[in-house]
Amino acid sequence: MEKWEYFTTFIEANATKEAKEYLKERLPNKKNLPKFSPESMMPELDKLGDEGWELVHMEPVAKVGGNGDILFEGAPRWSNRYFCVFKRQKRPISRPMTPPSSAPSPPETTPKPNG
C-alpha cells in the first residue's frame, strides 16, 4: 500500500522580477501578465514539483493572520494568496523527511545543561 506525506503552505501570486524572467522563458507567447496573475506562482510550484511534491488542492484565501489563521468575511475581497496542499510518496523510514525548500526553517535551539 502506498503511503504519503503532506506539505501545506500559502503561496502568493506576485510577479516579482525573478518570476517575470522565469515566465518569459516558460511562456514566451504571454506578454505583460498582470502583477497578481496565477501564472506568477509557476516558479514556486515547479520548484516543489521538482522536489517530488504534487499539488492536490489550492484555494484562495482573503487574508492570513499573524498566527497563521485565515480571515473569512461576508463581503467579497481581492486576494493573491492561496492555501496549497501538496503530497508525495513517503520515503523509507531510514531517511528523515526533508521539508520543501520553500518551507520556513525551524528555529535553532541549543540544548540546556542539566542541573
PDB file of N, CA and C in Angstrom:
ATOM      1  N   MET A   1       0.839  -1.171   0.000  1.00  0.00           N
ATOM      2  CA  MET A   1       0.000   0.000   0.000  1.00  0.00           C
ATOM      3  C   MET A   1       0.895   1.249   0.000  1.00  0.00           C
ATOM      4  N   GLU A   2       0.552   2.205  -0.837  1.00  0.00           N
ATOM      5  CA  GLU A   2       1.331   3.434  -0.891  1.00  0.00           C
ATOM      6  C   GLU A   2       1.056   4.286   0.348  1.00  0.00           C
ATOM      7  N   LYS A   3       2.096   4.950   0.818  1.00  0.00           N
ATOM      8  CA  LYS A   3       1.955   5.872   1.941  1.00  0.00           C
ATOM      9  C   LYS A   3       2.414   7.250   1.462  1.00  0.00           C
ATOM     10  N   TRP A   4       1.771   8.275   2.009  1.00  0.00           N
ATOM     11  CA  TRP A   4       2.010   9.639   1.537  1.00  0.00           C
ATOM     12  C   TRP A   4       2.433  10.535   2.690  1.00  0.00           C
ATOM     13  N   GLU A   5       3.209  11.563   2.348  1.00  0.00           N
ATOM     14  CA  GLU A   5       3.483  12.634   3.293  1.00  0.00           C
ATOM     15  C   GLU A   5       2.929  13.905   2.663  1.00  0.00           C
ATOM     16  N   TYR A   6       2.563  14.856   3.522  1.00  0.00           N
ATOM     17  CA  TYR A   6       1.872  16.060   3.050  1.00  0.00           C
ATOM     18  C   TYR A   6       2.607  17.311   3.482  1.00  0.00           C
ATOM     19  N   PHE A   7       2.420  18.370   2.714  1.00  0.00           N
ATOM     20  CA  PHE A   7       3.010  19.672   2.997  1.00  0.00           C
ATOM     21  C   PHE A   7       1.951  20.722   2.678  1.00  0.00           C
ATOM     22  N   THR A   8       1.713  21.652   3.604  1.00  0.00           N
ATOM     23  CA  THR A   8       0.763  22.734   3.364  1.00  0.00           C
ATOM     24  C   THR A   8       1.497  24.063   3.476  1.00  0.00           C
ATOM     25  N   THR A   9       1.091  25.017   2.664  1.00  0.00           N
ATOM     26  CA  THR A   9       1.720  26.340   2.683  1.00  0.00           C
ATOM     27  C   THR A   9       0.801  27.346   2.005  1.00  0.00           C
ATOM     28  N   PHE A  10       1.121  28.622   2.167  1.00  0.00           N
ATOM     29  CA  PHE A  10       0.448  29.693   1.445  1.00  0.00           C
ATOM     30  C   PHE A  10       1.406  30.155   0.352  1.00  0.00           C
ATOM     31  N   ILE A  11       0.892  30.333  -0.840  1.00  0.00           N
ATOM     32  CA  ILE A  11       1.690  30.830  -1.958  1.00  0.00           C
ATOM     33  C   ILE A  11       1.009  32.078  -2.487  1.00  0.00           C
ATOM     34  N   GLU A  12       1.808  33.119  -2.703  1.00  0.00           N
ATOM     35  CA  GLU A  12       1.274  34.372  -3.239  1.00  0.00           C
ATOM     36  C   GLU A  12       1.525  34.466  -4.732  1.00  0.00           C
ATOM     37  N   ALA A  13       0.521  34.913  -5.452  1.00  0.00           N
ATOM     38  CA  ALA A  13       0.673  35.238  -6.866  1.00  0.00           C
ATOM     39  C   ALA A  13       1.193  36.670  -6.916  1.00  0.00           C
ATOM     40  N   ASN A  14       2.456  36.827  -7.287  1.00  0.00           N
ATOM     41  CA  ASN A  14       3.080  38.142  -7.308  1.00  0.00           C
ATOM     42  C   ASN A  14       4.221  38.100  -8.309  1.00  0.00           C
ATOM     43  N   ALA A  15       4.073  38.789  -9.408  1.00  0.00           N
ATOM     44  CA  ALA A  15       5.057  38.756 -10.483  1.00  0.00           C
ATOM     45  C   ALA A  15       6.300  39.562 -10.114  1.00  0.00           C
ATOM     46  N   THR A  16       7.171  38.950  -9.320  1.00  0.00           N
ATOM     47  CA  THR A  16       8.443  39.571  -8.978  1.00  0.00           C
ATOM     48  C   THR A  16       9.333  39.577 -10.215  1.00  0.00           C
ATOM     49  N   LYS A  17      10.452  40.234 -10.115  1.00  0.00           N
ATOM     50  CA  LYS A  17      11.394  40.291 -11.237  1.00  0.00           C
ATOM     51  C   LYS A  17      11.826  38.878 -11.631  1.00  0.00           C
ATOM     52  N   GLU A  18      12.120  38.051 -10.624  1.00  0.00           N
ATOM     53  CA  GLU A  18      12.555  36.678 -10.901  1.00  0.00           C
ATOM     54  C   GLU A  18      11.444  35.880 -11.585  1.00  0.00           C
ATOM     55  N   ALA A  19      10.215  36.045 -11.106  1.00  0.00           N
ATOM     56  CA  ALA A  19       9.081  35.326 -11.704  1.00  0.00           C
ATOM     57  C   ALA A  19       8.871  35.767 -13.147  1.00  0.00           C
ATOM     58  N   LYS A  20       9.011  37.062 -13.418  1.00  0.00           N
ATOM     59  CA  LYS A  20       8.825  37.561 -14.778  1.00  0.00           C
ATOM     60  C   LYS A  20       9.864  36.964 -15.722  1.00  0.00           C
ATOM     61  N   GLU A  21      11.122  36.871 -15.272  1.00  0.00           N
ATOM     62  CA  GLU A  21      12.180  36.280 -16.101  1.00  0.00           C
ATOM     63  C   GLU A  21      11.882  34.811 -16.374  1.00  0.00           C
ATOM     64  N   TYR A  22      11.468  34.109 -15.360  1.00  0.00           N
ATOM     65  CA  TYR A  22      11.125  32.697 -15.487  1.00  0.00           C
ATOM     66  C   TYR A  22       9.991  32.516 -16.491  1.00  0.00           C
ATOM     67  N   LEU A  23       8.961  33.341 -16.355  1.00  0.00           N
ATOM     68  CA  LEU A  23       7.792  33.220 -17.222  1.00  0.00           C
ATOM     69  C   LEU A  23       8.097  33.637 -18.659  1.00  0.00           C
ATOM     70  N   LYS A  24       9.024  34.566 -18.830  1.00  0.00           N
ATOM     71  CA  LYS A  24       9.398  34.993 -20.169  1.00  0.00           C
ATOM     72  C   LYS A  24       9.953  33.805 -20.957  1.00  0.00           C
ATOM     73  N   GLU A  25      10.753  32.964 -20.277  1.00  0.00           N
ATOM     74  CA  GLU A  25      11.300  31.770 -20.923  1.00  0.00           C
ATOM     75  C   GLU A  25      10.238  30.680 -21.067  1.00  0.00           C
ATOM     76  N   ARG A  26       9.441  30.502 -20.043  1.00  0.00           N
ATOM     77  CA  ARG A  26       8.480  29.403 -19.985  1.00  0.00           C
ATOM     78  C   ARG A  26       7.239  29.658 -20.831  1.00  0.00           C
ATOM     79  N   LEU A  27       6.768  30.902 -20.868  1.00  0.00           N
ATOM     80  CA  LEU A  27       5.551  31.254 -21.601  1.00  0.00           C
ATOM     81  C   LEU A  27       5.837  32.418 -22.555  1.00  0.00           C
ATOM     82  N   PRO A  28       6.619  32.181 -23.595  1.00  0.00           N
ATOM     83  CA  PRO A  28       7.014  33.297 -24.473  1.00  0.00           C
ATOM     84  C   PRO A  28       5.850  33.979 -25.183  1.00  0.00           C
ATOM     85  N   ASN A  29       4.717  33.302 -25.346  1.00  0.00           N
ATOM     86  CA  ASN A  29       3.568  33.901 -26.042  1.00  0.00           C
ATOM     87  C   ASN A  29       2.711  34.779 -25.143  1.00  0.00           C
ATOM     88  N   LYS A  30       2.916  34.701 -23.831  1.00  0.00           N
ATOM     89  CA  LYS A  30       2.133  35.530 -22.908  1.00  0.00           C
ATOM     90  C   LYS A  30       2.959  36.754 -22.558  1.00  0.00           C
ATOM     91  N   LYS A  31       2.488  37.889 -22.950  1.00  0.00           N
ATOM     92  CA  LYS A  31       3.208  39.140 -22.695  1.00  0.00           C
ATOM     93  C   LYS A  31       2.418  39.982 -21.704  1.00  0.00           C
ATOM     94  N   ASN A  32       3.132  40.734 -20.897  1.00  0.00           N
ATOM     95  CA  ASN A  32       2.522  41.678 -19.964  1.00  0.00           C
ATOM     96  C   ASN A  32       1.466  41.051 -19.056  1.00  0.00           C
ATOM     97  N   LEU A  33       1.850  39.998 -18.365  1.00  0.00           N
ATOM     98  CA  LEU A  33       0.926  39.393 -17.414  1.00  0.00           C
ATOM     99  C   LEU A  33       0.660  40.368 -16.271  1.00  0.00           C
ATOM    100  N   PRO A  34      -0.561  40.414 -15.761  1.00  0.00           N
ATOM    101  CA  PRO A  34      -0.841  41.276 -14.612  1.00  0.00           C
ATOM    102  C   PRO A  34       0.007  40.861 -13.414  1.00  0.00           C
ATOM    103  N   LYS A  35       0.285  41.807 -12.544  1.00  0.00           N
ATOM    104  CA  LYS A  35       1.168  41.574 -11.397  1.00  0.00           C
ATOM    105  C   LYS A  35       0.747  40.382 -10.550  1.00  0.00           C
ATOM    106  N   PHE A  36      -0.547  40.196 -10.356  1.00  0.00           N
ATOM    107  CA  PHE A  36      -1.026  39.132  -9.473  1.00  0.00           C
ATOM    108  C   PHE A  36      -1.622  37.949 -10.240  1.00  0.00           C
ATOM    109  N   SER A  37      -1.209  37.741 -11.475  1.00  0.00           N
ATOM    110  CA  SER A  37      -1.761  36.629 -12.252  1.00  0.00           C
ATOM    111  C   SER A  37      -1.322  35.294 -11.650  1.00  0.00           C
ATOM    112  N   PRO A  38      -2.166  34.278 -11.716  1.00  0.00           N
ATOM    113  CA  PRO A  38      -1.817  32.968 -11.163  1.00  0.00           C
ATOM    114  C   PRO A  38      -0.538  32.377 -11.777  1.00  0.00           C
ATOM    115  N   GLU A  39      -0.232  32.747 -13.017  1.00  0.00           N
ATOM    116  CA  GLU A  39       0.993  32.246 -13.648  1.00  0.00           C
ATOM    117  C   GLU A  39       2.247  32.623 -12.856  1.00  0.00           C
ATOM    118  N   SER A  40       2.183  33.713 -12.090  1.00  0.00           N
ATOM    119  CA  SER A  40       3.360  34.153 -11.332  1.00  0.00           C
ATOM    120  C   SER A  40       3.726  33.170 -10.222  1.00  0.00           C
ATOM    121  N   MET A  41       2.842  32.206  -9.916  1.00  0.00           N
ATOM    122  CA  MET A  41       3.157  31.174  -8.916  1.00  0.00           C
ATOM    123  C   MET A  41       3.916  29.999  -9.522  1.00  0.00           C
ATOM    124  N   MET A  42       4.010  29.940 -10.840  1.00  0.00           N
ATOM    125  CA  MET A  42       4.620  28.791 -11.506  1.00  0.00           C
ATOM    126  C   MET A  42       6.053  28.501 -11.071  1.00  0.00           C
ATOM    127  N   PRO A  43       6.927  29.490 -10.884  1.00  0.00           N
ATOM    128  CA  PRO A  43       8.286  29.142 -10.458  1.00  0.00           C
ATOM    129  C   PRO A  43       8.308  28.367  -9.140  1.00  0.00           C
ATOM    130  N   GLU A  44       7.525  28.809  -8.171  1.00  0.00           N
ATOM    131  CA  GLU A  44       7.497  28.125  -6.877  1.00  0.00           C
ATOM    132  C   GLU A  44       6.832  26.757  -6.993  1.00  0.00           C
ATOM    133  N   LEU A  45       5.754  26.680  -7.760  1.00  0.00           N
ATOM    134  CA  LEU A  45       5.080  25.392  -7.947  1.00  0.00           C
ATOM    135  C   LEU A  45       5.994  24.402  -8.670  1.00  0.00           C
ATOM    136  N   ASP A  46       6.704  24.868  -9.685  1.00  0.00           N
ATOM    137  CA  ASP A  46       7.626  23.989 -10.414  1.00  0.00           C
ATOM    138  C   ASP A  46       8.766  23.511  -9.515  1.00  0.00           C
ATOM    139  N   LYS A  47       9.256  24.398  -8.649  1.00  0.00           N
ATOM    140  CA  LYS A  47      10.332  24.018  -7.728  1.00  0.00           C
ATOM    141  C   LYS A  47       9.867  22.905  -6.793  1.00  0.00           C
ATOM    142  N   LEU A  48       8.653  23.040  -6.267  1.00  0.00           N
ATOM    143  CA  LEU A  48       8.113  21.993  -5.401  1.00  0.00           C
ATOM    144  C   LEU A  48       7.887  20.697  -6.184  1.00  0.00           C
ATOM    145  N   GLY A  49       7.432  20.810  -7.426  1.00  0.00           N
ATOM    146  CA  GLY A  49       7.259  19.628  -8.270  1.00  0.00           C
ATOM    147  C   GLY A  49       8.579  18.916  -8.511  1.00  0.00           C
ATOM    148  N   ASP A  50       9.659  19.692  -8.702  1.00  0.00           N
ATOM    149  CA  ASP A  50      10.984  19.094  -8.888  1.00  0.00           C
ATOM    150  C   ASP A  50      11.425  18.308  -7.654  1.00  0.00           C
ATOM    151  N   GLU A  51      10.908  18.687  -6.494  1.00  0.00           N
ATOM    152  CA  GLU A  51      11.246  18.003  -5.249  1.00  0.00           C
ATOM    153  C   GLU A  51      10.309  16.822  -4.979  1.00  0.00           C
ATOM    154  N   GLY A  52       9.424  16.533  -5.936  1.00  0.00           N
ATOM    155  CA  GLY A  52       8.541  15.386  -5.806  1.00  0.00           C
ATOM    156  C   GLY A  52       7.170  15.687  -5.237  1.00  0.00           C
ATOM    157  N   TRP A  53       6.887  16.960  -4.932  1.00  0.00           N
ATOM    158  CA  TRP A  53       5.592  17.329  -4.357  1.00  0.00           C
ATOM    159  C   TRP A  53       4.571  17.521  -5.464  1.00  0.00           C
ATOM    160  N   GLU A  54       3.387  16.949  -5.280  1.00  0.00           N
ATOM    161  CA  GLU A  54       2.275  17.098  -6.211  1.00  0.00           C
ATOM    162  C   GLU A  54       1.203  17.964  -5.569  1.00  0.00           C
ATOM    163  N   LEU A  55       0.778  19.012  -6.274  1.00  0.00           N
ATOM    164  CA  LEU A  55      -0.279  19.888  -5.771  1.00  0.00           C
ATOM    165  C   LEU A  55      -1.598  19.130  -5.839  1.00  0.00           C
ATOM    166  N   VAL A  56      -2.274  18.992  -4.699  1.00  0.00           N
ATOM    167  CA  VAL A  56      -3.553  18.281  -4.683  1.00  0.00           C
ATOM    168  C   VAL A  56      -4.728  19.197  -4.336  1.00  0.00           C
ATOM    169  N   HIS A  57      -4.428  20.398  -3.823  1.00  0.00           N
ATOM    170  CA  HIS A  57      -5.506  21.335  -3.507  1.00  0.00           C
ATOM    171  C   HIS A  57      -4.943  22.749  -3.474  1.00  0.00           C
ATOM    172  N   MET A  58      -5.713  23.684  -4.024  1.00  0.00           N
ATOM    173  CA  MET A  58      -5.346  25.104  -3.977  1.00  0.00           C
ATOM    174  C   MET A  58      -6.626  25.893  -3.805  1.00  0.00           C
ATOM    175  N   GLU A  59      -6.612  26.832  -2.855  1.00  0.00           N
ATOM    176  CA  GLU A  59      -7.813  27.610  -2.574  1.00  0.00           C
ATOM    177  C   GLU A  59      -7.417  29.038  -2.216  1.00  0.00           C
ATOM    178  N   PRO A  60      -8.034  30.041  -2.862  1.00  0.00           N
ATOM    179  CA  PRO A  60      -7.708  31.420  -2.494  1.00  0.00           C
ATOM    180  C   PRO A  60      -8.198  31.728  -1.082  1.00  0.00           C
ATOM    181  N   VAL A  61      -7.433  32.528  -0.371  1.00  0.00           N
ATOM    182  CA  VAL A  61      -7.832  32.967   0.969  1.00  0.00           C
ATOM    183  C   VAL A  61      -7.741  34.480   1.010  1.00  0.00           C
ATOM    184  N   ALA A  62      -8.638  35.094   1.769  1.00  0.00           N
ATOM    185  CA  ALA A  62      -8.702  36.553   1.823  1.00  0.00           C
ATOM    186  C   ALA A  62      -7.499  37.138   2.548  1.00  0.00           C
ATOM    187  N   LYS A  63      -7.182  36.609   3.708  1.00  0.00           N
ATOM    188  CA  LYS A  63      -6.089  37.177   4.491  1.00  0.00           C
ATOM    189  C   LYS A  63      -5.603  36.134   5.484  1.00  0.00           C
ATOM    190  N   VAL A  64      -4.288  36.103   5.680  1.00  0.00           N
ATOM    191  CA  VAL A  64      -3.694  35.193   6.655  1.00  0.00           C
ATOM    192  C   VAL A  64      -3.189  36.040   7.818  1.00  0.00           C
ATOM    193  N   GLY A  65      -3.640  35.695   9.017  1.00  0.00           N
ATOM    194  CA  GLY A  65      -3.238  36.441  10.207  1.00  0.00           C
ATOM    195  C   GLY A  65      -1.853  36.058  10.700  1.00  0.00           C
ATOM    196  N   GLY A  66      -1.377  36.778  11.691  1.00  0.00           N
ATOM    197  CA  GLY A  66      -0.062  36.548  12.268  1.00  0.00           C
ATOM    198  C   GLY A  66       0.096  35.180  12.908  1.00  0.00           C
ATOM    199  N   ASN A  67      -1.008  34.559  13.302  1.00  0.00           N
ATOM    200  CA  ASN A  67      -0.958  33.227  13.896  1.00  0.00           C
ATOM    201  C   ASN A  67      -1.213  32.138  12.857  1.00  0.00           C
ATOM    202  N   GLY A  68      -1.210  32.498  11.578  1.00  0.00           N
ATOM    203  CA  GLY A  68      -1.488  31.526  10.529  1.00  0.00           C
ATOM    204  C   GLY A  68      -2.970  31.267  10.351  1.00  0.00           C
ATOM    205  N   ASP A  69      -3.801  32.046  11.043  1.00  0.00           N
ATOM    206  CA  ASP A  69      -5.240  31.880  10.902  1.00  0.00           C
ATOM    207  C   ASP A  69      -5.720  32.600   9.646  1.00  0.00           C
ATOM    208  N   ILE A  70      -6.858  32.177   9.126  1.00  0.00           N
ATOM    209  CA  ILE A  70      -7.370  32.700   7.861  1.00  0.00           C
ATOM    210  C   ILE A  70      -8.619  33.539   8.117  1.00  0.00           C
ATOM    211  N   LEU A  71      -8.663  34.719   7.512  1.00  0.00           N
ATOM    212  CA  LEU A  71      -9.799  35.620   7.661  1.00  0.00           C
ATOM    213  C   LEU A  71     -10.868  35.286   6.627  1.00  0.00           C
ATOM    214  N   PHE A  72     -12.085  35.100   7.084  1.00  0.00           N
ATOM    215  CA  PHE A  72     -13.241  34.930   6.201  1.00  0.00           C
ATOM    216  C   PHE A  72     -14.195  36.078   6.473  1.00  0.00           C
ATOM    217  N   GLU A  73     -14.687  36.678   5.415  1.00  0.00           N
ATOM    218  CA  GLU A  73     -15.637  37.778   5.549  1.00  0.00           C
ATOM    219  C   GLU A  73     -16.802  37.552   4.605  1.00  0.00           C
ATOM    220  N   GLY A  74     -17.929  38.207   4.909  1.00  0.00           N
ATOM    221  CA  GLY A  74     -19.093  38.094   4.047  1.00  0.00           C
ATOM    222  C   GLY A  74     -18.934  38.833   2.729  1.00  0.00           C
ATOM    223  N   ALA A  75     -18.314  40.005   2.774  1.00  0.00           N
ATOM    224  CA  ALA A  75     -18.155  40.806   1.559  1.00  0.00           C
ATOM    225  C   ALA A  75     -16.997  40.259   0.720  1.00  0.00           C
ATOM    226  N   PRO A  76     -17.142  40.260  -0.603  1.00  0.00           N
ATOM    227  CA  PRO A  76     -16.046  39.785  -1.456  1.00  0.00           C
ATOM    228  C   PRO A  76     -14.797  40.649  -1.276  1.00  0.00           C
ATOM    229  N   ARG A  77     -13.660  40.009  -1.362  1.00  0.00           N
ATOM    230  CA  ARG A  77     -12.376  40.702  -1.264  1.00  0.00           C
ATOM    231  C   ARG A  77     -11.463  40.202  -2.368  1.00  0.00           C
ATOM    232  N   TRP A  78     -10.522  41.033  -2.758  1.00  0.00           N
ATOM    233  CA  TRP A  78      -9.497  40.621  -3.707  1.00  0.00           C
ATOM    234  C   TRP A  78      -8.408  39.912  -2.934  1.00  0.00           C
ATOM    235  N   SER A  79      -7.801  38.911  -3.558  1.00  0.00           N
ATOM    236  CA  SER A  79      -6.710  38.213  -2.898  1.00  0.00           C
ATOM    237  C   SER A  79      -5.748  37.645  -3.931  1.00  0.00           C
ATOM    238  N   ASN A  80      -4.482  37.601  -3.572  1.00  0.00           N
ATOM    239  CA  ASN A  80      -3.482  36.955  -4.412  1.00  0.00           C
ATOM    240  C   ASN A  80      -2.760  35.869  -3.624  1.00  0.00           C
ATOM    241  N   ARG A  81      -3.348  35.449  -2.511  1.00  0.00           N
ATOM    242  CA  ARG A  81      -2.752  34.428  -1.648  1.00  0.00           C
ATOM    243  C   ARG A  81      -3.598  33.165  -1.705  1.00  0.00           C
ATOM    244  N   TYR A  82      -2.905  32.027  -1.793  1.00  0.00           N
ATOM    245  CA  TYR A  82      -3.590  30.749  -1.940  1.00  0.00           C
ATOM    246  C   TYR A  82      -3.077  29.757  -0.900  1.00  0.00           C
ATOM    247  N   PHE A  83      -4.000  29.013  -0.316  1.00  0.00           N
ATOM    248  CA  PHE A  83      -3.651  27.914   0.569  1.00  0.00           C
ATOM    249  C   PHE A  83      -3.458  26.689  -0.312  1.00  0.00           C
ATOM    250  N   CYS A  84      -2.294  26.028  -0.193  1.00  0.00           N
ATOM    251  CA  CYS A  84      -1.964  24.903  -1.056  1.00  0.00           C
ATOM    252  C   CYS A  84      -1.625  23.666  -0.237  1.00  0.00           C
ATOM    253  N   VAL A  85      -2.068  22.528  -0.730  1.00  0.00           N
ATOM    254  CA  VAL A  85      -1.752  21.241  -0.117  1.00  0.00           C
ATOM    255  C   VAL A  85      -1.019  20.407  -1.162  1.00  0.00           C
ATOM    256  N   PHE A  86       0.121  19.855  -0.763  1.00  0.00           N
ATOM    257  CA  PHE A  86       0.938  19.012  -1.631  1.00  0.00           C
ATOM    258  C   PHE A  86       1.084  17.643  -0.994  1.00  0.00           C
ATOM    259  N   LYS A  87       1.335  16.636  -1.827  1.00  0.00           N
ATOM    260  CA  LYS A  87       1.641  15.313  -1.289  1.00  0.00           C
ATOM    261  C   LYS A  87       2.741  14.694  -2.153  1.00  0.00           C
ATOM    262  N   ARG A  88       3.463  13.756  -1.549  1.00  0.00           N
ATOM    263  CA  ARG A  88       4.413  12.946  -2.298  1.00  0.00           C
ATOM    264  C   ARG A  88       4.516  11.604  -1.589  1.00  0.00           C
ATOM    265  N   GLN A  89       4.975  10.617  -2.325  1.00  0.00           N
ATOM    266  CA  GLN A  89       5.088   9.290  -1.752  1.00  0.00           C
ATOM    267  C   GLN A  89       6.120   9.301  -0.641  1.00  0.00           C
ATOM    268  N   LYS A  90       5.781   8.641   0.468  1.00  0.00           N
ATOM    269  CA  LYS A  90       6.684   8.603   1.614  1.00  0.00           C
ATOM    270  C   LYS A  90       7.947   7.850   1.258  1.00  0.00           C
ATOM    271  N   ARG A  91       9.048   8.329   1.784  1.00  0.00           N
ATOM    272  CA  ARG A  91      10.324   7.663   1.609  1.00  0.00           C
ATOM    273  C   ARG A  91      10.478   6.613   2.694  1.00  0.00           C
ATOM    274  N   PRO A  92      11.415   5.679   2.514  1.00  0.00           N
ATOM    275  CA  PRO A  92      11.643   4.708   3.588  1.00  0.00           C
ATOM    276  C   PRO A  92      11.965   5.412   4.899  1.00  0.00           C
ATOM    277  N   ILE A  93      11.575   4.792   6.012  1.00  0.00           N
ATOM    278  CA  ILE A  93      11.733   5.398   7.328  1.00  0.00           C
ATOM    279  C   ILE A  93      13.189   5.699   7.650  1.00  0.00           C
ATOM    280  N   SER A  94      14.129   4.975   7.056  1.00  0.00           N
ATOM    281  CA  SER A  94      15.542   5.188   7.371  1.00  0.00           C
ATOM    282  C   SER A  94      16.028   6.579   6.964  1.00  0.00           C
ATOM    283  N   ARG A  95      15.306   7.243   6.045  1.00  0.00           N
ATOM    284  CA  ARG A  95      15.687   8.595   5.619  1.00  0.00           C
ATOM    285  C   ARG A  95      14.653   9.583   6.131  1.00  0.00           C
ATOM    286  N   PRO A  96      15.061  10.536   7.006  1.00  0.00           N
ATOM    287  CA  PRO A  96      14.081  11.500   7.513  1.00  0.00           C
ATOM    288  C   PRO A  96      13.587  12.416   6.409  1.00  0.00           C
ATOM    289  N   MET A  97      12.354  12.886   6.579  1.00  0.00           N
ATOM    290  CA  MET A  97      11.753  13.804   5.615  1.00  0.00           C
ATOM    291  C   MET A  97      12.492  15.126   5.625  1.00  0.00           C
ATOM    292  N   THR A  98      12.790  15.630   4.446  1.00  0.00           N
ATOM    293  CA  THR A  98      13.340  16.970   4.338  1.00  0.00           C
ATOM    294  C   THR A  98      12.220  17.873   3.874  1.00  0.00           C
ATOM    295  N   PRO A  99      11.987  18.970   4.593  1.00  0.00           N
ATOM    296  CA  PRO A  99      10.894  19.855   4.175  1.00  0.00           C
ATOM    297  C   PRO A  99      11.212  20.482   2.829  1.00  0.00           C
ATOM    298  N   PRO A 100      10.193  20.865   2.076  1.00  0.00           N
ATOM    299  CA  PRO A 100      10.425  21.535   0.800  1.00  0.00           C
ATOM    300  C   PRO A 100      11.304  22.759   0.990  1.00  0.00           C
ATOM    301  N   SER A 101      12.044  23.117  -0.035  1.00  0.00           N
ATOM    302  CA  SER A 101      12.965  24.248   0.073  1.00  0.00           C
ATOM    303  C   SER A 101      12.245  25.552   0.359  1.00  0.00           C
ATOM    304  N   SER A 102      10.948  25.642   0.054  1.00  0.00           N
ATOM    305  CA  SER A 102      10.216  26.876   0.329  1.00  0.00           C
ATOM    306  C   SER A 102       9.641  26.905   1.743  1.00  0.00           C
ATOM    307  N   ALA A 103       9.808  25.795   2.477  1.00  0.00           N
ATOM    308  CA  ALA A 103       9.287  25.754   3.846  1.00  0.00           C
ATOM    309  C   ALA A 103      10.193  26.553   4.766  1.00  0.00           C
ATOM    310  N   PRO A 104       9.627  27.274   5.728  1.00  0.00           N
ATOM    311  CA  PRO A 104      10.467  28.006   6.670  1.00  0.00           C
ATOM    312  C   PRO A 104      11.266  27.034   7.526  1.00  0.00           C
ATOM    313  N   SER A 105      12.496  27.390   7.819  1.00  0.00           N
ATOM    314  CA  SER A 105      13.348  26.545   8.647  1.00  0.00           C
ATOM    315  C   SER A 105      12.897  26.628  10.093  1.00  0.00           C
ATOM    316  N   PRO A 106      12.964  25.487  10.823  1.00  0.00           N
ATOM    317  CA  PRO A 106      12.598  25.549  12.237  1.00  0.00           C
ATOM    318  C   PRO A 106      13.611  26.385  12.994  1.00  0.00           C
ATOM    319  N   PRO A 107      13.201  27.033  14.102  1.00  0.00           N
ATOM    320  CA  PRO A 107      14.139  27.859  14.850  1.00  0.00           C
ATOM    321  C   PRO A 107      15.247  27.002  15.445  1.00  0.00           C
ATOM    322  N   GLU A 108      16.445  27.566  15.476  1.00  0.00           N
ATOM    323  CA  GLU A 108      17.585  26.853  16.063  1.00  0.00           C
ATOM    324  C   GLU A 108      17.427  26.848  17.562  1.00  0.00           C
ATOM    325  N   THR A 109      17.706  25.701  18.162  1.00  0.00           N
ATOM    326  CA  THR A 109      17.652  25.609  19.619  1.00  0.00           C
ATOM    327  C   THR A 109      18.967  25.051  20.119  1.00  0.00           C
ATOM    328  N   THR A 110      19.379  25.501  21.270  1.00  0.00           N
ATOM    329  CA  THR A 110      20.596  24.979  21.877  1.00  0.00           C
ATOM    330  C   THR A 110      20.203  24.203  23.099  1.00  0.00           C
ATOM    331  N   PRO A 111      20.811  23.002  23.283  1.00  0.00           N
ATOM    332  CA  PRO A 111      20.443  22.197  24.449  1.00  0.00           C
ATOM    333  C   PRO A 111      20.786  22.912  25.740  1.00  0.00           C
ATOM    334  N   LYS A 112      19.922  22.779  26.736  1.00  0.00           N
ATOM    335  CA  LYS A 112      20.180  23.390  28.044  1.00  0.00           C
ATOM    336  C   LYS A 112      20.919  22.385  28.904  1.00  0.00           C
ATOM    337  N   PRO A 113      21.921  22.837  29.673  1.00  0.00           N
ATOM    338  CA  PRO A 113      22.649  21.908  30.534  1.00  0.00           C
ATOM    339  C   PRO A 113      21.730  21.369  31.624  1.00  0.00           C
ATOM    340  N   ASN A 114      21.950  20.110  32.012  1.00  0.00           N
ATOM    341  CA  ASN A 114      21.162  19.509  33.089  1.00  0.00           C
ATOM    342  C   ASN A 114      21.605  20.098  34.417  1.00  0.00           C
ATOM    343  N   GLY A 115      20.641  20.237  35.288  1.00  0.00           N
ATOM    344  CA  GLY A 115      21.038  20.662  36.627  1.00  0.00           C
ATOM    345  C   GLY A 115      20.414  21.857  37.067  1.00  0.00           C
TER     346      GLY A 115
END
